[in-house]
Amino acid sequence: MALKKSLILFPMLALMLQVLLGQVHPSLAQESRAMRFRRQHIDSDNPCAGSITYCDVMMRRQNMTQGACKPLNTFVHASIPVVDAVCNNNFTACANGQRVCHQSSSRMILTDCVLKSRSVYPNCTYWTNPAIKNILVVCDGNPYVPVHFDSSI
């Protein structure tokens, strides 16, 4: 009986240890919408943000080229509290016209990553386009934080 219990518990303990050590893909660790937003869109302290290979490196590093090449992504070069504060602004129209977005009150430093037209999975390559624009985000949760990057204007 004790052997049977240990055979059941061992795989669960091994998985928990892998999650704690960061050896399991975030989707297996049940990444929240807010955590996903931060992983995909916030890069507050990357010294390589101006490099032409920035998007190639970051899109891979942030797990956005697994299974397919994500066609477009924007990184915001601001701290998490600064981006979270956008949720305190009034509702405004998103790119699709729905008034569920919040717009930043000031422009932010961004990097748009655009998939190159000849890029084929698994060799995803991107154009790196720096910009300074306002951002539009959808917010949710408690605390009320960004969960979706809508667009930049």
Protein backbone atom coordinates (compact mmCIF):
# COMPACT_ATOMS: atom_id res chain seq x y z
CA MET A 1 0.00 0.00 0.00
CA ALA A 2 2.81 2.42 0.89
CA LEU A 3 4.56 1.64 -2.40
CA LYS A 4 1.36 2.35 -4.33
CA LYS A 5 0.98 5.77 -2.62
CA SER A 6 4.59 6.71 -3.32
CA LEU A 7 4.18 5.78 -7.00
CA ILE A 8 1.25 8.18 -7.18
CA LEU A 9 2.84 11.01 -5.17
CA PHE A 10 6.28 10.95 -6.78
CA PRO A 11 5.20 12.30 -10.23
CA MET A 12 3.17 15.06 -8.55
CA LEU A 13 6.10 16.08 -6.37
CA ALA A 14 8.46 16.01 -9.35
CA LEU A 15 6.13 18.30 -11.35
CA MET A 16 5.81 20.72 -8.42
CA LEU A 17 9.59 20.85 -8.10
CA GLN A 18 9.97 21.55 -11.82
CA VAL A 19 7.41 24.38 -11.62
CA LEU A 20 9.24 25.91 -8.64
CA LEU A 21 12.58 25.68 -10.43
CA GLY A 22 11.13 27.24 -13.60
CA GLN A 23 11.68 24.17 -15.75
CA VAL A 24 8.07 23.84 -16.91
CA HIS A 25 6.53 25.94 -19.68
CA PRO A 26 4.30 28.71 -18.19
CA SER A 27 1.12 27.21 -19.69
CA LEU A 28 1.62 24.13 -17.51
CA ALA A 29 1.90 26.35 -14.44
CA GLN A 30 -1.50 27.98 -15.23
CA GLU A 31 -0.33 31.47 -16.15
CA SER A 32 -2.98 34.12 -15.35
CA ARG A 33 -4.13 36.64 -17.97
CA ALA A 34 -2.23 39.41 -16.13
CA MET A 35 0.95 37.32 -16.00
CA ARG A 36 0.60 36.51 -19.70
CA PHE A 37 0.17 40.22 -20.52
CA ARG A 38 3.32 41.07 -18.57
CA ARG A 39 5.33 38.29 -20.21
CA GLN A 40 4.21 39.22 -23.70
CA HIS A 41 4.22 43.01 -23.48
CA ILE A 42 6.32 44.48 -20.67
CA ASP A 43 10.09 44.78 -20.99
CA SER A 44 11.09 47.52 -18.58
CA ASP A 45 14.82 47.05 -18.37
CA ASN A 46 16.22 45.49 -21.54
CA PRO A 47 19.41 47.22 -22.73
CA CYS A 48 19.06 45.56 -26.17
CA ALA A 49 15.76 47.26 -27.02
CA GLY A 50 17.39 49.30 -29.81
CA SER A 51 19.11 46.33 -31.48
CA ILE A 52 17.90 45.05 -34.87
CA THR A 53 17.81 41.52 -33.41
CA TYR A 54 15.80 42.57 -30.33
CA CYS A 55 12.52 41.08 -31.58
CA ASP A 56 14.09 37.81 -32.74
CA VAL A 57 15.60 37.35 -29.27
CA MET A 58 12.63 38.55 -27.21
CA MET A 59 9.92 36.70 -29.12
CA ARG A 60 11.80 33.43 -28.54
CA ARG A 61 12.74 34.26 -24.93
CA GLN A 62 9.16 35.14 -24.02
CA ASN A 63 7.76 31.91 -25.57
CA MET A 64 5.88 33.55 -28.45
CA THR A 65 7.35 31.33 -31.16
CA GLN A 66 6.34 27.95 -29.77
CA GLY A 67 4.05 26.01 -32.10
CA ALA A 68 3.72 28.97 -34.49
CA CYS A 69 5.20 32.40 -35.17
CA LYS A 70 3.16 35.17 -33.52
CA PRO A 71 2.63 37.65 -36.38
CA LEU A 72 2.73 40.89 -34.34
CA ASN A 73 3.66 41.86 -30.80
CA THR A 74 4.40 45.12 -29.00
CA PHE A 75 6.78 45.44 -26.05
CA VAL A 76 6.27 48.39 -23.69
CA HIS A 77 9.49 49.71 -22.15
CA ALA A 78 7.99 50.97 -18.88
CA SER A 79 7.73 49.56 -15.37
CA ILE A 80 4.84 47.32 -14.34
CA PRO A 81 3.37 49.99 -11.99
CA VAL A 82 3.43 52.58 -14.81
CA VAL A 83 1.63 50.22 -17.21
CA ASP A 84 -0.80 49.04 -14.50
CA ALA A 85 -1.71 52.71 -13.81
CA VAL A 86 -3.21 52.96 -17.32
CA CYS A 87 -6.18 50.99 -15.92
CA ASN A 88 -7.04 54.01 -13.72
CA ASN A 89 -7.84 56.10 -16.82
CA ASN A 90 -11.37 56.42 -18.18
CA PHE A 91 -12.79 53.94 -20.67
CA THR A 92 -12.15 54.70 -24.33
CA ALA A 93 -12.80 52.98 -27.64
CA CYS A 94 -10.55 50.08 -28.61
CA ALA A 95 -9.39 49.52 -32.20
CA ASN A 96 -12.62 47.55 -32.83
CA GLY A 97 -14.80 50.42 -31.54
CA GLN A 98 -15.85 48.83 -28.24
CA ARG A 99 -15.44 51.18 -25.25
CA VAL A 100 -13.64 48.70 -22.98
CA CYS A 101 -10.07 49.99 -23.37
CA HIS A 102 -8.00 52.37 -21.28
CA GLN A 103 -5.54 54.73 -22.99
CA SER A 104 -2.26 55.81 -21.43
CA SER A 105 -2.21 59.50 -20.55
CA SER A 106 1.27 59.90 -21.98
CA ARG A 107 3.30 58.35 -24.76
CA MET A 108 5.52 55.39 -23.94
CA ILE A 109 8.63 53.89 -25.51
CA LEU A 110 7.59 50.77 -27.44
CA THR A 111 9.05 48.17 -29.76
CA ASP A 112 6.76 46.65 -32.39
CA CYS A 113 7.82 43.19 -33.55
CA VAL A 114 6.45 42.32 -37.00
CA LEU A 115 6.93 38.85 -38.49
CA LYS A 116 8.98 39.01 -41.69
CA SER A 117 6.96 37.89 -44.73
CA ARG A 118 9.37 35.11 -45.68
CA SER A 119 9.66 33.81 -42.13
CA VAL A 120 8.55 30.19 -41.68
CA TYR A 121 8.04 28.34 -38.39
CA PRO A 122 10.14 27.26 -36.52
CA ASN A 123 12.60 29.89 -37.83
CA CYS A 124 10.56 32.95 -36.83
CA THR A 125 12.29 36.23 -37.70
CA TYR A 126 10.99 39.72 -37.00
CA TRP A 127 11.36 43.34 -38.01
CA THR A 128 12.18 45.50 -34.96
CA ASN A 129 10.36 48.84 -35.07
CA PRO A 130 10.90 51.27 -32.17
CA ALA A 131 8.11 53.77 -31.51
CA ILE A 132 6.87 56.32 -28.99
CA LYS A 133 3.06 56.16 -28.71
CA ASN A 134 0.14 55.93 -26.34
CA ILE A 135 -1.11 52.44 -25.57
CA LEU A 136 -4.63 51.02 -25.38
CA VAL A 137 -5.17 48.10 -23.01
CA VAL A 138 -8.08 46.07 -21.67
CA CYS A 139 -8.05 45.64 -17.89
CA ASP A 140 -9.64 43.10 -15.58
CA GLY A 141 -9.31 41.42 -12.20
CA ASN A 142 -8.80 42.41 -8.61
CA PRO A 143 -6.45 44.24 -8.59
CA TYR A 144 -7.60 45.82 -11.84
CA VAL A 145 -4.62 45.36 -14.19
CA PRO A 146 -3.95 45.06 -17.94
CA VAL A 147 -4.82 41.68 -19.44
CA HIS A 148 -4.83 42.51 -23.17
CA PHE A 149 -2.76 44.84 -25.35
CA ASP A 150 -5.19 46.31 -27.87
CA SER A 151 -3.10 48.77 -29.89
CA SER A 152 -0.84 51.80 -29.86
CA ILE A 153 -1.76 55.22 -31.23
